[in-house]
Protein backbone atom coordinates (compact mmCIF):
# COMPACT_ATOMS: atom_id res chain seq x y z
CA MET A 1 113.19 123.52 87.38
CA LYS A 2 110.77 126.47 87.60
CA VAL A 3 109.98 127.95 91.02
CA ILE A 4 108.00 130.94 92.30
CA LEU A 5 109.97 133.17 94.67
CA LEU A 6 108.23 134.02 97.94
CA LYS A 7 110.76 136.73 98.87
CA GLU A 8 113.72 138.49 97.34
CA LEU A 9 116.69 136.33 96.43
CA HIS A 10 119.69 138.60 95.82
CA GLY A 11 120.72 138.43 92.18
CA LYS A 12 117.82 136.17 91.12
CA GLY A 13 114.59 138.13 91.62
CA GLY A 14 111.91 139.27 94.03
CA GLU A 15 108.60 138.08 95.44
CA GLY A 16 106.31 136.62 92.76
CA ASP A 17 109.03 136.15 90.14
CA VAL A 18 109.03 132.80 88.33
CA ILE A 19 112.63 131.74 87.79
CA ASP A 20 114.36 128.69 86.37
CA VAL A 21 116.98 127.09 88.65
CA THR A 22 118.75 123.78 88.94
CA ARG A 23 116.83 121.02 90.68
CA GLY A 24 119.52 120.68 93.39
CA PHE A 25 119.49 124.40 94.23
CA ALA A 26 115.69 124.35 94.39
CA ASN A 27 115.40 121.21 96.53
CA ASN A 28 118.39 121.82 98.81
CA PHE A 29 118.01 125.53 99.43
CA LEU A 30 115.07 127.46 97.95
CA LEU A 31 112.27 125.09 98.95
CA THR A 32 113.72 124.07 102.32
CA GLN A 33 114.57 127.66 103.39
CA GLY A 34 111.18 129.06 102.38
CA TYR A 35 112.47 131.20 99.53
CA ALA A 36 110.27 129.56 96.88
CA VAL A 37 107.56 127.06 96.00
CA LYS A 38 107.37 124.83 92.94
CA ALA A 39 105.77 126.46 89.91
CA THR A 40 102.85 124.01 89.69
CA PRO A 41 99.65 124.98 87.82
CA GLY A 42 97.88 125.49 91.18
CA ASN A 43 100.65 127.71 92.57
CA LEU A 44 100.78 129.73 89.33
CA LYS A 45 97.01 130.30 89.54
CA GLN A 46 97.37 131.51 93.15
CA LEU A 47 100.20 133.78 92.02
CA GLU A 48 97.93 135.45 89.45
CA GLU A 49 95.36 136.16 92.17
CA ARG A 50 98.02 137.67 94.45
CA LYS A 51 99.75 139.84 91.81
CA LYS A 52 98.10 143.13 92.92
CA ASN A 53 99.13 142.63 96.55
CA ILE A 54 102.64 141.67 95.49
CA ALA A 55 102.86 144.80 93.29
CA LYS A 56 101.86 147.03 96.25
CA ARG A 57 104.46 145.41 98.50
CA GLU A 58 107.05 145.77 95.74
CA GLU A 59 106.35 149.51 95.43
CA THR A 60 106.80 149.89 99.19
CA ARG A 61 110.06 147.93 99.18
CA ILE A 62 111.45 149.98 96.28
CA ALA A 63 110.48 153.26 97.95
CA ASP A 64 112.08 152.14 101.24
CA ALA A 65 115.25 151.02 99.43
CA ASN A 66 115.50 154.36 97.56
CA ALA A 67 115.07 156.27 100.83
CA MET A 68 117.76 154.16 102.48
CA ALA A 69 120.07 154.65 99.48
CA ALA A 70 119.66 158.43 99.82
CA LYS A 71 120.59 158.21 103.53
CA LEU A 72 123.67 156.09 102.78
CA ASN A 73 124.82 158.33 99.90
CA ASP A 74 125.03 161.30 102.29
CA ALA A 75 126.55 159.32 105.17
CA THR A 76 130.03 158.78 106.52
CA VAL A 77 131.01 156.06 108.97
CA ARG A 78 134.28 155.57 110.79
CA VAL A 79 135.96 152.23 111.33
CA ILE A 80 138.72 152.07 113.95
CA ALA A 81 141.50 149.58 113.37
CA GLN A 82 145.02 148.94 114.60
CA VAL A 83 147.42 150.82 112.38
CA GLY A 84 151.06 150.02 111.74
CA GLU A 85 153.69 152.08 110.01
CA GLU A 86 152.75 154.22 107.01
CA GLY A 87 149.02 153.66 107.51
CA VAL A 88 149.03 149.90 106.89
CA LEU A 89 146.47 148.08 109.04
CA PHE A 90 147.18 145.07 111.23
CA GLY A 91 144.63 142.77 109.62
CA SER A 92 141.95 144.39 107.47
CA VAL A 93 138.51 146.00 107.45
CA THR A 94 135.90 143.53 106.19
CA ALA A 95 132.26 143.72 105.02
CA PRO A 96 130.88 142.65 108.45
CA MET A 97 132.88 145.44 110.11
CA VAL A 98 131.42 148.01 107.68
CA ALA A 99 127.87 146.63 108.27
CA ASP A 100 128.41 146.88 112.05
CA ALA A 101 129.67 150.48 111.72
CA ILE A 102 126.60 151.42 109.65
CA ALA A 103 124.28 149.83 112.23
CA GLU A 104 126.05 151.48 115.17
CA GLN A 105 126.64 154.96 113.75
CA LEU A 106 123.68 155.41 111.39
CA ASP A 107 121.15 153.12 113.06
CA ILE A 108 120.51 151.34 109.73
CA GLU A 109 120.55 147.54 109.76
CA ILE A 110 122.36 146.15 106.70
CA ASP A 111 122.93 142.49 105.89
CA LYS A 112 126.72 142.05 105.81
CA ARG A 113 126.39 140.04 102.59
CA ARG A 114 125.05 143.16 100.86
CA VAL A 115 128.15 145.24 101.60
CA GLU A 116 130.01 145.05 98.28
CA LEU A 117 133.52 145.64 99.52
CA GLY A 118 135.19 143.53 96.86
CA LYS A 119 138.38 142.93 98.79
CA PRO A 120 139.17 143.84 102.40
CA ILE A 121 140.56 147.31 103.16
CA LYS A 122 144.19 147.16 104.31
CA MET A 123 145.16 150.86 104.45
CA VAL A 124 144.06 153.91 106.42
CA GLY A 125 142.01 156.23 104.24
CA THR A 126 138.60 157.13 102.85
CA TYR A 127 136.67 154.63 100.74
CA GLU A 128 133.35 154.66 98.87
CA VAL A 129 131.65 151.34 99.64
CA PRO A 130 128.56 150.25 97.65
CA VAL A 131 125.75 148.55 99.59
CA GLY A 132 123.09 146.54 97.73
CA LEU A 133 119.70 147.33 99.25
CA TYR A 134 116.99 145.76 97.10
CA ARG A 135 117.21 144.32 93.61
CA ASP A 136 119.41 146.78 91.65
CA ILE A 137 119.12 149.64 94.16
CA LYS A 138 122.43 150.50 95.81
CA GLY A 139 123.71 153.16 98.16
CA ASN A 140 127.31 154.30 98.52
CA VAL A 141 128.51 154.98 102.04
CA THR A 142 131.78 156.79 102.75
CA VAL A 143 133.97 154.74 105.10
CA ILE A 144 136.87 156.43 106.89
CA VAL A 145 139.37 153.93 108.23
CA GLY A 146 141.68 155.18 110.97
CA GLY A 147 143.67 154.20 114.01
CA ASP A 148 142.69 153.65 117.64
CA GLY A 149 143.03 157.31 118.63
CA MET A 150 141.02 158.69 115.71
CA ASP A 151 138.70 161.51 116.69
CA GLU A 152 136.57 163.82 114.52
CA GLU A 153 139.52 166.05 113.69
CA SER A 154 141.75 163.12 112.71
CA ALA A 155 138.98 161.65 110.54
CA GLU A 156 138.70 164.97 108.71
CA ALA A 157 142.48 165.02 108.29
CA VAL A 158 142.43 161.52 106.77
CA GLU A 159 139.72 162.65 104.34
CA ALA A 160 141.67 165.82 103.43
CA PHE A 161 144.84 163.78 102.98
CA ASP A 162 143.07 161.39 100.58
CA GLU A 163 141.66 164.29 98.59
CA ALA A 164 145.08 165.92 98.37
CA LEU A 165 146.60 162.63 97.19
CA GLU A 166 143.94 162.32 94.50
CA VAL A 167 144.75 165.82 93.28
CA ALA A 168 148.48 165.13 93.33
CA GLU A 169 148.12 161.83 91.48
CA THR A 170 145.97 163.31 88.72
CA PRO A 171 148.21 163.59 85.62
CA ALA A 172 146.53 166.82 84.47
CA ASP A 173 147.51 168.61 87.68
CA GLU A 174 151.26 168.76 88.09
CA THR A 175 151.26 171.88 90.23
CA VAL A 176 150.62 170.19 93.58
CA GLU A 177 152.84 167.97 95.68
CA VAL A 178 151.65 166.11 98.77
CA ASP A 179 154.02 165.04 101.50
CA GLY A 180 152.77 163.43 104.67
CA GLN A 181 152.31 160.41 106.84
CA ILE A 182 149.69 158.77 108.97
CA ALA A 183 150.67 158.12 112.58
CA ALA A 184 149.85 154.91 114.44
CA ASP A 185 147.00 156.63 116.30
CA GLY A 186 145.33 157.55 113.01
CA THR A 187 146.32 161.22 113.00
CA VAL A 188 147.62 162.65 109.75
CA GLU A 189 150.46 165.01 109.15
CA ALA A 190 150.18 166.28 105.60
CA GLU A 191 151.69 169.15 103.70
CA VAL A 192 150.39 170.25 100.32
CA THR A 193 152.71 172.53 98.41
CA GLU A 194 152.40 174.13 94.99
CA ILE A 195 155.21 173.46 92.56
CA GLU A 196 156.55 176.53 90.84
CA GLU A 197 156.71 176.23 87.08
């Protein structure tokens, strides 16, 4: 069944797009929730008349999404969680928690369904989390997960610890060894030593 989208539908299209969907999806969701109208000859004719206005709104939305992506790409948010031994979290950090942290710390409202976490975070550390903003435009926000007592200094230590681990785990670099642990309060004790050849 062909329908005309009235607003963006993540993964399907944006305002003014004519898409083909199953009759059940159209009748039970798109039409009832105001996402689309049936692609009748009359509605298609109206769509043609509105194309210029839709194109202007689309340009604005794309510009806003690109600006927001630039803000997110340079941003870091902290999520506080209860931490057990060896940096393992009690529970996990989920997409809604990341969306809440972005809203609280960056003052940017993000729909939790657009946070592309994949699977929940279960360890203390630094993570790059993609956020879908509009159509194919995404921003990557850096999320630092730490314990209850995590302050600015501890957050930086977690980040430094992650970077040191990445260096140590790179097969090409066998000159560095990282030894450390993450305390229950989120603080990190790490020691990076060079291995003599």
